PDB file of all heavy atoms in Angstrom:
ATOM      1  N   GLN A   1     197.457 146.541 -23.011  1.00  0.00           N
ATOM      2  CA  GLN A   1     197.463 145.981 -24.358  1.00  0.00           C
ATOM      3  C   GLN A   1     198.827 146.168 -25.015  1.00  0.00           C
ATOM      4  O   GLN A   1     199.515 147.157 -24.770  1.00  0.00           O
ATOM      5  CB  GLN A   1     196.391 146.648 -25.220  1.00  0.00           C
ATOM      6  CG  GLN A   1     194.974 146.398 -24.704  1.00  0.00           C
ATOM      7  CD  GLN A   1     193.915 146.951 -25.640  1.00  0.00           C
ATOM      8  OE1 GLN A   1     194.159 147.077 -26.829  1.00  0.00           O
ATOM      9  NE2 GLN A   1     192.765 147.274 -25.098  1.00  0.00           N
ATOM     10  N   LEU A   2     199.183 145.194 -25.850  1.00  0.00           N
ATOM     11  CA  LEU A   2     200.432 145.257 -26.596  1.00  0.00           C
ATOM     12  C   LEU A   2     200.102 145.458 -28.069  1.00  0.00           C
ATOM     13  O   LEU A   2     199.531 144.580 -28.716  1.00  0.00           O
ATOM     14  CB  LEU A   2     201.236 143.970 -26.405  1.00  0.00           C
ATOM     15  CG  LEU A   2     202.617 143.934 -27.063  1.00  0.00           C
ATOM     16  CD1 LEU A   2     203.521 145.005 -26.463  1.00  0.00           C
ATOM     17  CD2 LEU A   2     203.253 142.557 -26.916  1.00  0.00           C
ATOM     18  N   HIS A   3     200.426 146.634 -28.592  1.00  0.00           N
ATOM     19  CA  HIS A   3     200.128 146.941 -29.986  1.00  0.00           C
ATOM     20  C   HIS A   3     201.202 146.385 -30.919  1.00  0.00           C
ATOM     21  O   HIS A   3     202.371 146.281 -30.536  1.00  0.00           O
ATOM     22  CB  HIS A   3     200.050 148.461 -30.195  1.00  0.00           C
ATOM     23  CG  HIS A   3     198.838 149.097 -29.586  1.00  0.00           C
ATOM     24  ND1 HIS A   3     197.562 148.754 -29.937  1.00  0.00           N
ATOM     25  CD2 HIS A   3     198.723 150.057 -28.634  1.00  0.00           C
ATOM     26  CE1 HIS A   3     196.701 149.479 -29.235  1.00  0.00           C
ATOM     27  NE2 HIS A   3     197.381 150.270 -28.436  1.00  0.00           N
ATOM     28  N   GLN A   4     200.774 146.068 -32.131  1.00  0.00           N
ATOM     29  CA  GLN A   4     201.753 145.735 -33.160  1.00  0.00           C
ATOM     30  C   GLN A   4     202.551 146.993 -33.499  1.00  0.00           C
ATOM     31  O   GLN A   4     202.073 148.111 -33.304  1.00  0.00           O
ATOM     32  CB  GLN A   4     201.048 145.236 -34.425  1.00  0.00           C
ATOM     33  CG  GLN A   4     200.398 143.860 -34.285  1.00  0.00           C
ATOM     34  CD  GLN A   4     199.748 143.437 -35.592  1.00  0.00           C
ATOM     35  OE1 GLN A   4     199.035 144.203 -36.227  1.00  0.00           O
ATOM     36  NE2 GLN A   4     200.009 142.211 -36.000  1.00  0.00           N
ATOM     37  N   PRO A   5     203.774 146.848 -34.016  1.00  0.00           N
ATOM     38  CA  PRO A   5     204.545 148.030 -34.430  1.00  0.00           C
ATOM     39  C   PRO A   5     203.766 148.861 -35.441  1.00  0.00           C
ATOM     40  O   PRO A   5     202.966 148.335 -36.224  1.00  0.00           O
ATOM     41  CB  PRO A   5     205.795 147.417 -35.069  1.00  0.00           C
ATOM     42  CG  PRO A   5     205.920 146.068 -34.443  1.00  0.00           C
ATOM     43  CD  PRO A   5     204.514 145.604 -34.212  1.00  0.00           C
ATOM     44  N   ARG A   6     203.994 150.180 -35.425  1.00  0.00           N
ATOM     45  CA  ARG A   6     203.259 151.092 -36.294  1.00  0.00           C
ATOM     46  C   ARG A   6     203.380 150.699 -37.768  1.00  0.00           C
ATOM     47  O   ARG A   6     202.403 150.709 -38.506  1.00  0.00           O
ATOM     48  CB  ARG A   6     203.759 152.525 -36.090  1.00  0.00           C
ATOM     49  CG  ARG A   6     203.116 153.543 -37.034  1.00  0.00           C
ATOM     50  CD  ARG A   6     203.626 154.937 -36.753  1.00  0.00           C
ATOM     51  NE  ARG A   6     203.134 155.406 -35.470  1.00  0.00           N
ATOM     52  CZ  ARG A   6     201.952 156.005 -35.316  1.00  0.00           C
ATOM     53  NH1 ARG A   6     201.156 156.199 -36.357  1.00  0.00           N
ATOM     54  NH2 ARG A   6     201.563 156.416 -34.135  1.00  0.00           N
ATOM     55  N   ASN A   7     204.594 150.339 -38.208  1.00  0.00           N
ATOM     56  CA  ASN A   7     204.765 150.006 -39.630  1.00  0.00           C
ATOM     57  C   ASN A   7     203.963 148.774 -40.029  1.00  0.00           C
ATOM     58  O   ASN A   7     203.472 148.678 -41.159  1.00  0.00           O
ATOM     59  CB  ASN A   7     206.256 149.813 -39.962  1.00  0.00           C
ATOM     60  CG  ASN A   7     206.881 148.651 -39.193  1.00  0.00           C
ATOM     61  OD1 ASN A   7     206.526 148.394 -38.043  1.00  0.00           O
ATOM     62  ND2 ASN A   7     207.821 147.964 -39.808  1.00  0.00           N
ATOM     63  N   VAL A   8     203.788 147.834 -39.107  1.00  0.00           N
ATOM     64  CA  VAL A   8     202.989 146.637 -39.387  1.00  0.00           C
ATOM     65  C   VAL A   8     201.514 147.010 -39.514  1.00  0.00           C
ATOM     66  O   VAL A   8     200.815 146.568 -40.437  1.00  0.00           O
ATOM     67  CB  VAL A   8     203.179 145.578 -38.282  1.00  0.00           C
ATOM     68  CG1 VAL A   8     202.232 144.397 -38.506  1.00  0.00           C
ATOM     69  CG2 VAL A   8     204.631 145.098 -38.251  1.00  0.00           C
ATOM     70  N   ARG A   9     201.037 147.838 -38.594  1.00  0.00           N
ATOM     71  CA  ARG A   9     199.630 148.253 -38.637  1.00  0.00           C
ATOM     72  C   ARG A   9     199.329 149.085 -39.887  1.00  0.00           C
ATOM     73  O   ARG A   9     198.286 148.910 -40.527  1.00  0.00           O
ATOM     74  CB  ARG A   9     199.290 149.072 -37.383  1.00  0.00           C
ATOM     75  CG  ARG A   9     199.106 148.221 -36.130  1.00  0.00           C
ATOM     76  CD  ARG A   9     198.806 149.079 -34.917  1.00  0.00           C
ATOM     77  NE  ARG A   9     200.010 149.695 -34.383  1.00  0.00           N
ATOM     78  CZ  ARG A   9     200.060 150.907 -33.857  1.00  0.00           C
ATOM     79  NH1 ARG A   9     198.979 151.662 -33.831  1.00  0.00           N
ATOM     80  NH2 ARG A   9     201.184 151.383 -33.373  1.00  0.00           N
ATOM     81  N   GLU A  10     200.253 149.961 -40.250  1.00  0.00           N
ATOM     82  CA  GLU A  10     200.044 150.779 -41.444  1.00  0.00           C
ATOM     83  C   GLU A  10     200.034 149.922 -42.706  1.00  0.00           C
ATOM     84  O   GLU A  10     199.245 150.165 -43.622  1.00  0.00           O
ATOM     85  CB  GLU A  10     201.131 151.857 -41.533  1.00  0.00           C
ATOM     86  CG  GLU A  10     200.969 152.955 -40.497  1.00  0.00           C
ATOM     87  CD  GLU A  10     201.978 154.086 -40.670  1.00  0.00           C
ATOM     88  OE1 GLU A  10     202.693 154.091 -41.699  1.00  0.00           O
ATOM     89  OE2 GLU A  10     202.035 154.957 -39.787  1.00  0.00           O
ATOM     90  N   LYS A  11     200.896 148.900 -42.745  1.00  0.00           N
ATOM     91  CA  LYS A  11     200.926 148.022 -43.920  1.00  0.00           C
ATOM     92  C   LYS A  11     199.623 147.233 -44.050  1.00  0.00           C
ATOM     93  O   LYS A  11     199.080 147.064 -45.151  1.00  0.00           O
ATOM     94  CB  LYS A  11     202.115 147.069 -43.848  1.00  0.00           C
ATOM     95  CG  LYS A  11     202.308 146.239 -45.136  1.00  0.00           C
ATOM     96  CD  LYS A  11     203.554 145.387 -45.070  1.00  0.00           C
ATOM     97  CE  LYS A  11     203.793 144.686 -46.414  1.00  0.00           C
ATOM     98  NZ  LYS A  11     202.634 143.923 -46.893  1.00  0.00           N
ATOM     99  N   ARG A  12     199.095 146.747 -42.942  1.00  0.00           N
ATOM    100  CA  ARG A  12     197.806 146.039 -42.969  1.00  0.00           C
ATOM    101  C   ARG A  12     196.722 146.956 -43.520  1.00  0.00           C
ATOM    102  O   ARG A  12     195.887 146.549 -44.334  1.00  0.00           O
ATOM    103  CB  ARG A  12     197.424 145.564 -41.569  1.00  0.00           C
ATOM    104  CG  ARG A  12     198.228 144.379 -41.062  1.00  0.00           C
ATOM    105  CD  ARG A  12     197.886 144.070 -39.614  1.00  0.00           C
ATOM    106  NE  ARG A  12     196.453 143.854 -39.442  1.00  0.00           N
ATOM    107  CZ  ARG A  12     195.809 144.057 -38.297  1.00  0.00           C
ATOM    108  NH1 ARG A  12     196.450 144.506 -37.239  1.00  0.00           N
ATOM    109  NH2 ARG A  12     194.525 143.832 -38.223  1.00  0.00           N
ATOM    110  N   PHE A  13     196.732 148.201 -43.055  1.00  0.00           N
ATOM    111  CA  PHE A  13     195.744 149.197 -43.470  1.00  0.00           C
ATOM    112  C   PHE A  13     195.827 149.469 -44.978  1.00  0.00           C
ATOM    113  O   PHE A  13     194.825 149.385 -45.695  1.00  0.00           O
ATOM    114  CB  PHE A  13     195.999 150.474 -42.663  1.00  0.00           C
ATOM    115  CG  PHE A  13     195.159 151.659 -43.057  1.00  0.00           C
ATOM    116  CD1 PHE A  13     193.784 151.654 -42.904  1.00  0.00           C
ATOM    117  CD2 PHE A  13     195.762 152.807 -43.552  1.00  0.00           C
ATOM    118  CE1 PHE A  13     193.015 152.763 -43.248  1.00  0.00           C
ATOM    119  CE2 PHE A  13     195.019 153.912 -43.902  1.00  0.00           C
ATOM    120  CZ  PHE A  13     193.640 153.895 -43.753  1.00  0.00           C
ATOM    121  N   THR A  14     197.028 149.781 -45.463  1.00  0.00           N
ATOM    122  CA  THR A  14     197.184 150.119 -46.887  1.00  0.00           C
ATOM    123  C   THR A  14     197.019 148.897 -47.783  1.00  0.00           C
ATOM    124  O   THR A  14     196.520 149.013 -48.913  1.00  0.00           O
ATOM    125  CB  THR A  14     198.549 150.785 -47.137  1.00  0.00           C
ATOM    126  OG1 THR A  14     199.599 149.966 -46.612  1.00  0.00           O
ATOM    127  CG2 THR A  14     198.596 152.161 -46.484  1.00  0.00           C
ATOM    128  N   ASP A  15     197.401 147.712 -47.303  1.00  0.00           N
ATOM    129  CA  ASP A  15     197.230 146.489 -48.109  1.00  0.00           C
ATOM    130  C   ASP A  15     195.753 146.212 -48.384  1.00  0.00           C
ATOM    131  O   ASP A  15     195.367 145.853 -49.502  1.00  0.00           O
ATOM    132  CB  ASP A  15     197.847 145.283 -47.392  1.00  0.00           C
ATOM    133  CG  ASP A  15     199.370 145.228 -47.538  1.00  0.00           C
ATOM    134  OD1 ASP A  15     199.919 146.052 -48.298  1.00  0.00           O
ATOM    135  OD2 ASP A  15     199.992 144.361 -46.890  1.00  0.00           O
ATOM    136  N   VAL A  16     194.929 146.364 -47.356  1.00  0.00           N
ATOM    137  CA  VAL A  16     193.487 146.124 -47.518  1.00  0.00           C
ATOM    138  C   VAL A  16     192.895 147.118 -48.515  1.00  0.00           C
ATOM    139  O   VAL A  16     192.091 146.753 -49.383  1.00  0.00           O
ATOM    140  CB  VAL A  16     192.763 146.221 -46.157  1.00  0.00           C
ATOM    141  CG1 VAL A  16     191.253 146.266 -46.355  1.00  0.00           C
ATOM    142  CG2 VAL A  16     193.142 145.050 -45.271  1.00  0.00           C
ATOM    143  N   ILE A  17     193.290 148.389 -48.391  1.00  0.00           N
ATOM    144  CA  ILE A  17     192.776 149.415 -49.296  1.00  0.00           C
ATOM    145  C   ILE A  17     193.213 149.156 -50.727  1.00  0.00           C
ATOM    146  O   ILE A  17     192.401 149.196 -51.666  1.00  0.00           O
ATOM    147  CB  ILE A  17     193.237 150.813 -48.826  1.00  0.00           C
ATOM    148  CG1 ILE A  17     192.545 151.172 -47.510  1.00  0.00           C
ATOM    149  CG2 ILE A  17     192.933 151.877 -49.892  1.00  0.00           C
ATOM    150  CD1 ILE A  17     193.038 152.449 -46.884  1.00  0.00           C
ATOM    151  N   HIS A  18     194.503 148.852 -50.920  1.00  0.00           N
ATOM    152  CA  HIS A  18     195.014 148.611 -52.271  1.00  0.00           C
ATOM    153  C   HIS A  18     194.341 147.395 -52.896  1.00  0.00           C
ATOM    154  O   HIS A  18     193.951 147.404 -54.069  1.00  0.00           O
ATOM    155  CB  HIS A  18     196.531 148.404 -52.220  1.00  0.00           C
ATOM    156  CG  HIS A  18     197.207 148.644 -53.528  1.00  0.00           C
ATOM    157  ND1 HIS A  18     198.501 149.071 -53.644  1.00  0.00           N
ATOM    158  CD2 HIS A  18     196.759 148.519 -54.816  1.00  0.00           C
ATOM    159  CE1 HIS A  18     198.819 149.204 -54.917  1.00  0.00           C
ATOM    160  NE2 HIS A  18     197.777 148.867 -55.640  1.00  0.00           N
ATOM    161  N   SER A  19     194.188 146.347 -52.112  1.00  0.00           N
ATOM    162  CA  SER A  19     193.540 145.126 -52.608  1.00  0.00           C
ATOM    163  C   SER A  19     192.092 145.388 -53.022  1.00  0.00           C
ATOM    164  O   SER A  19     191.632 144.922 -54.068  1.00  0.00           O
ATOM    165  CB  SER A  19     193.584 144.053 -51.520  1.00  0.00           C
ATOM    166  OG  SER A  19     192.842 142.917 -51.902  1.00  0.00           O
ATOM    167  N   THR A  20     191.380 146.153 -52.217  1.00  0.00           N
ATOM    168  CA  THR A  20     189.968 146.463 -52.509  1.00  0.00           C
ATOM    169  C   THR A  20     189.848 147.270 -53.802  1.00  0.00           C
ATOM    170  O   THR A  20     189.003 146.984 -54.658  1.00  0.00           O
ATOM    171  CB  THR A  20     189.348 147.245 -51.343  1.00  0.00           C
ATOM    172  OG1 THR A  20     189.480 146.493 -50.140  1.00  0.00           O
ATOM    173  CG2 THR A  20     187.882 147.537 -51.608  1.00  0.00           C
ATOM    174  N   ILE A  21     190.700 148.293 -53.933  1.00  0.00           N
ATOM    175  CA  ILE A  21     190.669 149.141 -55.131  1.00  0.00           C
ATOM    176  C   ILE A  21     191.048 148.346 -56.374  1.00  0.00           C
ATOM    177  O   ILE A  21     190.443 148.500 -57.447  1.00  0.00           O
ATOM    178  CB  ILE A  21     191.614 150.346 -54.946  1.00  0.00           C
ATOM    179  CG1 ILE A  21     191.053 151.287 -53.876  1.00  0.00           C
ATOM    180  CG2 ILE A  21     191.788 151.110 -56.266  1.00  0.00           C
ATOM    181  CD1 ILE A  21     191.992 152.407 -53.493  1.00  0.00           C
ATOM    182  N   SER A  22     192.024 147.451 -56.233  1.00  0.00           N
ATOM    183  CA  SER A  22     192.475 146.633 -57.374  1.00  0.00           C
ATOM    184  C   SER A  22     191.365 145.739 -57.902  1.00  0.00           C
ATOM    185  O   SER A  22     191.359 145.363 -59.070  1.00  0.00           O
ATOM    186  CB  SER A  22     193.683 145.787 -56.963  1.00  0.00           C
ATOM    187  OG  SER A  22     194.773 146.593 -56.598  1.00  0.00           O
ATOM    188  N   GLN A  23     190.422 145.397 -57.030  1.00  0.00           N
ATOM    189  CA  GLN A  23     189.296 144.550 -57.431  1.00  0.00           C
ATOM    190  C   GLN A  23     188.073 145.367 -57.855  1.00  0.00           C
ATOM    191  O   GLN A  23     186.982 144.824 -58.011  1.00  0.00           O
ATOM    192  CB  GLN A  23     188.930 143.621 -56.273  1.00  0.00           C
ATOM    193  CG  GLN A  23     190.043 142.652 -55.879  1.00  0.00           C
ATOM    194  CD  GLN A  23     189.701 141.858 -54.639  1.00  0.00           C
ATOM    195  OE1 GLN A  23     188.775 141.042 -54.639  1.00  0.00           O
ATOM    196  NE2 GLN A  23     190.443 142.091 -53.556  1.00  0.00           N
ATOM    197  N   GLY A  24     188.278 146.683 -57.994  1.00  0.00           N
ATOM    198  CA  GLY A  24     187.187 147.546 -58.436  1.00  0.00           C
ATOM    199  C   GLY A  24     186.297 148.038 -57.321  1.00  0.00           C
ATOM    200  O   GLY A  24     185.231 148.617 -57.581  1.00  0.00           O
ATOM    201  N   GLY A  25     186.702 147.843 -56.087  1.00  0.00           N
ATOM    202  CA  GLY A  25     185.869 148.241 -54.956  1.00  0.00           C
ATOM    203  C   GLY A  25     186.139 149.654 -54.482  1.00  0.00           C
ATOM    204  O   GLY A  25     187.000 150.368 -55.001  1.00  0.00           O
ATOM    205  N   ARG A  26     185.365 150.056 -53.495  1.00  0.00           N
ATOM    206  CA  ARG A  26     185.525 151.352 -52.846  1.00  0.00           C
ATOM    207  C   ARG A  26     185.701 151.132 -51.351  1.00  0.00           C
ATOM    208  O   ARG A  26     185.182 150.161 -50.800  1.00  0.00           O
ATOM    209  CB  ARG A  26     184.321 152.258 -53.109  1.00  0.00           C
ATOM    210  CG  ARG A  26     184.149 152.654 -54.577  1.00  0.00           C
ATOM    211  CD  ARG A  26     182.863 153.457 -54.778  1.00  0.00           C
ATOM    212  NE  ARG A  26     182.740 153.962 -56.132  1.00  0.00           N
ATOM    213  CZ  ARG A  26     182.278 153.273 -57.160  1.00  0.00           C
ATOM    214  NH1 ARG A  26     181.895 152.009 -56.982  1.00  0.00           N
ATOM    215  NH2 ARG A  26     182.194 153.824 -58.360  1.00  0.00           N
ATOM    216  N   VAL A  27     186.374 152.044 -50.695  1.00  0.00           N
ATOM    217  CA  VAL A  27     186.656 151.897 -49.266  1.00  0.00           C
ATOM    218  C   VAL A  27     186.038 153.063 -48.497  1.00  0.00           C
ATOM    219  O   VAL A  27     186.275 154.227 -48.824  1.00  0.00           O
ATOM    220  CB  VAL A  27     188.176 151.864 -49.000  1.00  0.00           C
ATOM    221  CG1 VAL A  27     188.446 151.702 -47.506  1.00  0.00           C
ATOM    222  CG2 VAL A  27     188.837 150.733 -49.782  1.00  0.00           C
ATOM    223  N   LEU A  28     185.243 152.733 -47.509  1.00  0.00           N
ATOM    224  CA  LEU A  28     184.670 153.743 -46.607  1.00  0.00           C
ATOM    225  C   LEU A  28     185.332 153.584 -45.239  1.00  0.00           C
ATOM    226  O   LEU A  28     185.340 152.494 -44.671  1.00  0.00           O
ATOM    227  CB  LEU A  28     183.158 153.566 -46.472  1.00  0.00           C
ATOM    228  CG  LEU A  28     182.328 153.771 -47.752  1.00  0.00           C
ATOM    229  CD1 LEU A  28     180.857 153.471 -47.470  1.00  0.00           C
ATOM    230  CD2 LEU A  28     182.488 155.193 -48.262  1.00  0.00           C
ATOM    231  N   ILE A  29     185.866 154.669 -44.703  1.00  0.00           N
ATOM    232  CA  ILE A  29     186.559 154.619 -43.419  1.00  0.00           C
ATOM    233  C   ILE A  29     185.847 155.547 -42.429  1.00  0.00           C
ATOM    234  O   ILE A  29     185.898 156.772 -42.588  1.00  0.00           O
ATOM    235  CB  ILE A  29     188.036 155.063 -43.563  1.00  0.00           C
ATOM    236  CG1 ILE A  29     188.737 154.213 -44.643  1.00  0.00           C
ATOM    237  CG2 ILE A  29     188.760 154.941 -42.236  1.00  0.00           C
ATOM    238  CD1 ILE A  29     190.143 154.692 -44.965  1.00  0.00           C
ATOM    239  N   PRO A  30     185.179 155.006 -41.422  1.00  0.00           N
ATOM    240  CA  PRO A  30     184.470 155.859 -40.445  1.00  0.00           C
ATOM    241  C   PRO A  30     185.430 156.426 -39.400  1.00  0.00           C
ATOM    242  O   PRO A  30     185.413 156.042 -38.240  1.00  0.00           O
ATOM    243  CB  PRO A  30     183.463 154.890 -39.829  1.00  0.00           C
ATOM    244  CG  PRO A  30     184.159 153.566 -39.892  1.00  0.00           C
ATOM    245  CD  PRO A  30     184.978 153.569 -41.159  1.00  0.00           C
ATOM    246  N   ALA A  31     186.284 157.334 -39.823  1.00  0.00           N
ATOM    247  CA  ALA A  31     187.267 157.941 -38.914  1.00  0.00           C
ATOM    248  C   ALA A  31     186.656 159.192 -38.295  1.00  0.00           C
ATOM    249  O   ALA A  31     186.731 160.274 -38.857  1.00  0.00           O
ATOM    250  CB  ALA A  31     188.540 158.283 -39.678  1.00  0.00           C
ATOM    251  N   PHE A  32     186.036 159.032 -37.137  1.00  0.00           N
ATOM    252  CA  PHE A  32     185.285 160.137 -36.539  1.00  0.00           C
ATOM    253  C   PHE A  32     186.148 161.048 -35.677  1.00  0.00           C
ATOM    254  O   PHE A  32     185.765 162.179 -35.397  1.00  0.00           O
ATOM    255  CB  PHE A  32     184.128 159.598 -35.692  1.00  0.00           C
ATOM    256  CG  PHE A  32     184.552 158.696 -34.579  1.00  0.00           C
ATOM    257  CD1 PHE A  32     184.867 159.219 -33.338  1.00  0.00           C
ATOM    258  CD2 PHE A  32     184.639 157.325 -34.763  1.00  0.00           C
ATOM    259  CE1 PHE A  32     185.261 158.398 -32.301  1.00  0.00           C
ATOM    260  CE2 PHE A  32     185.041 156.494 -33.729  1.00  0.00           C
ATOM    261  CZ  PHE A  32     185.352 157.023 -32.501  1.00  0.00           C
ATOM    262  N   ALA A  33     187.301 160.561 -35.231  1.00  0.00           N
ATOM    263  CA  ALA A  33     188.159 161.381 -34.366  1.00  0.00           C
ATOM    264  C   ALA A  33     189.016 162.304 -35.221  1.00  0.00           C
ATOM    265  O   ALA A  33     189.704 161.855 -36.130  1.00  0.00           O
ATOM    266  CB  ALA A  33     189.032 160.491 -33.490  1.00  0.00           C
ATOM    267  N   LEU A  34     188.973 163.581 -34.894  1.00  0.00           N
ATOM    268  CA  LEU A  34     189.604 164.596 -35.741  1.00  0.00           C
ATOM    269  C   LEU A  34     191.092 164.335 -35.970  1.00  0.00           C
ATOM    270  O   LEU A  34     191.569 164.296 -37.097  1.00  0.00           O
ATOM    271  CB  LEU A  34     189.404 165.970 -35.129  1.00  0.00           C
ATOM    272  CG  LEU A  34     189.729 167.172 -36.019  1.00  0.00           C
ATOM    273  CD1 LEU A  34     188.855 167.176 -37.255  1.00  0.00           C
ATOM    274  CD2 LEU A  34     189.555 168.461 -35.242  1.00  0.00           C
ATOM    275  N   GLY A  35     191.851 164.118 -34.898  1.00  0.00           N
ATOM    276  CA  GLY A  35     193.285 163.898 -35.051  1.00  0.00           C
ATOM    277  C   GLY A  35     193.609 162.617 -35.792  1.00  0.00           C
ATOM    278  O   GLY A  35     194.516 162.566 -36.635  1.00  0.00           O
ATOM    279  N   ARG A  36     192.858 161.542 -35.505  1.00  0.00           N
ATOM    280  CA  ARG A  36     193.084 160.256 -36.161  1.00  0.00           C
ATOM    281  C   ARG A  36     192.818 160.360 -37.663  1.00  0.00           C
ATOM    282  O   ARG A  36     193.520 159.769 -38.479  1.00  0.00           O
ATOM    283  CB  ARG A  36     192.174 159.187 -35.545  1.00  0.00           C
ATOM    284  CG  ARG A  36     192.482 158.848 -34.106  1.00  0.00           C
ATOM    285  CD  ARG A  36     193.751 157.994 -33.990  1.00  0.00           C
ATOM    286  NE  ARG A  36     194.091 157.733 -32.597  1.00  0.00           N
ATOM    287  CZ  ARG A  36     193.575 156.749 -31.878  1.00  0.00           C
ATOM    288  NH1 ARG A  36     192.665 155.949 -32.415  1.00  0.00           N
ATOM    289  NH2 ARG A  36     193.970 156.556 -30.639  1.00  0.00           N
ATOM    290  N   ALA A  37     191.788 161.085 -38.020  1.00  0.00           N
ATOM    291  CA  ALA A  37     191.445 161.230 -39.442  1.00  0.00           C
ATOM    292  C   ALA A  37     192.576 161.929 -40.204  1.00  0.00           C
ATOM    293  O   ALA A  37     192.919 161.541 -41.323  1.00  0.00           O
ATOM    294  CB  ALA A  37     190.144 162.018 -39.584  1.00  0.00           C
ATOM    295  N   LYS A  38     193.163 162.964 -39.591  1.00  0.00           N
ATOM    296  CA  LYS A  38     194.296 163.656 -40.220  1.00  0.00           C
ATOM    297  C   LYS A  38     195.453 162.687 -40.441  1.00  0.00           C
ATOM    298  O   LYS A  38     196.106 162.684 -41.486  1.00  0.00           O
ATOM    299  CB  LYS A  38     194.757 164.819 -39.338  1.00  0.00           C
ATOM    300  CG  LYS A  38     193.775 165.983 -39.275  1.00  0.00           C
ATOM    301  CD  LYS A  38     193.829 166.817 -40.543  1.00  0.00           C
ATOM    302  CE  LYS A  38     193.045 168.109 -40.394  1.00  0.00           C
ATOM    303  NZ  LYS A  38     191.605 167.912 -40.254  1.00  0.00           N
ATOM    304  N   GLU A  39     195.713 161.844 -39.465  1.00  0.00           N
ATOM    305  CA  GLU A  39     196.818 160.892 -39.566  1.00  0.00           C
ATOM    306  C   GLU A  39     196.568 159.875 -40.683  1.00  0.00           C
ATOM    307  O   GLU A  39     197.469 159.556 -41.463  1.00  0.00           O
ATOM    308  CB  GLU A  39     197.003 160.181 -38.219  1.00  0.00           C
ATOM    309  CG  GLU A  39     198.116 159.155 -38.186  1.00  0.00           C
ATOM    310  CD  GLU A  39     199.514 159.746 -38.290  1.00  0.00           C
ATOM    311  OE1 GLU A  39     199.660 160.984 -38.255  1.00  0.00           O
ATOM    312  OE2 GLU A  39     200.478 158.962 -38.411  1.00  0.00           O
ATOM    313  N   LEU A  40     195.347 159.380 -40.780  1.00  0.00           N
ATOM    314  CA  LEU A  40     195.017 158.421 -41.839  1.00  0.00           C
ATOM    315  C   LEU A  40     195.181 159.043 -43.223  1.00  0.00           C
ATOM    316  O   LEU A  40     195.670 158.396 -44.159  1.00  0.00           O
ATOM    317  CB  LEU A  40     193.582 157.910 -41.662  1.00  0.00           C
ATOM    318  CG  LEU A  40     193.321 157.017 -40.444  1.00  0.00           C
ATOM    319  CD1 LEU A  40     191.854 156.619 -40.378  1.00  0.00           C
ATOM    320  CD2 LEU A  40     194.194 155.775 -40.481  1.00  0.00           C
TER     321      LEU A  40
END
């Protein structure tokens, strides 16, 4: 697999969260892996 660059993936992630919050929403992230959750 060819992943998108890290900065692109992080921007997609934060853009979705910011957009949701701006519209009055809440974000639930099922980050079950211990190391991944710390990174997020």
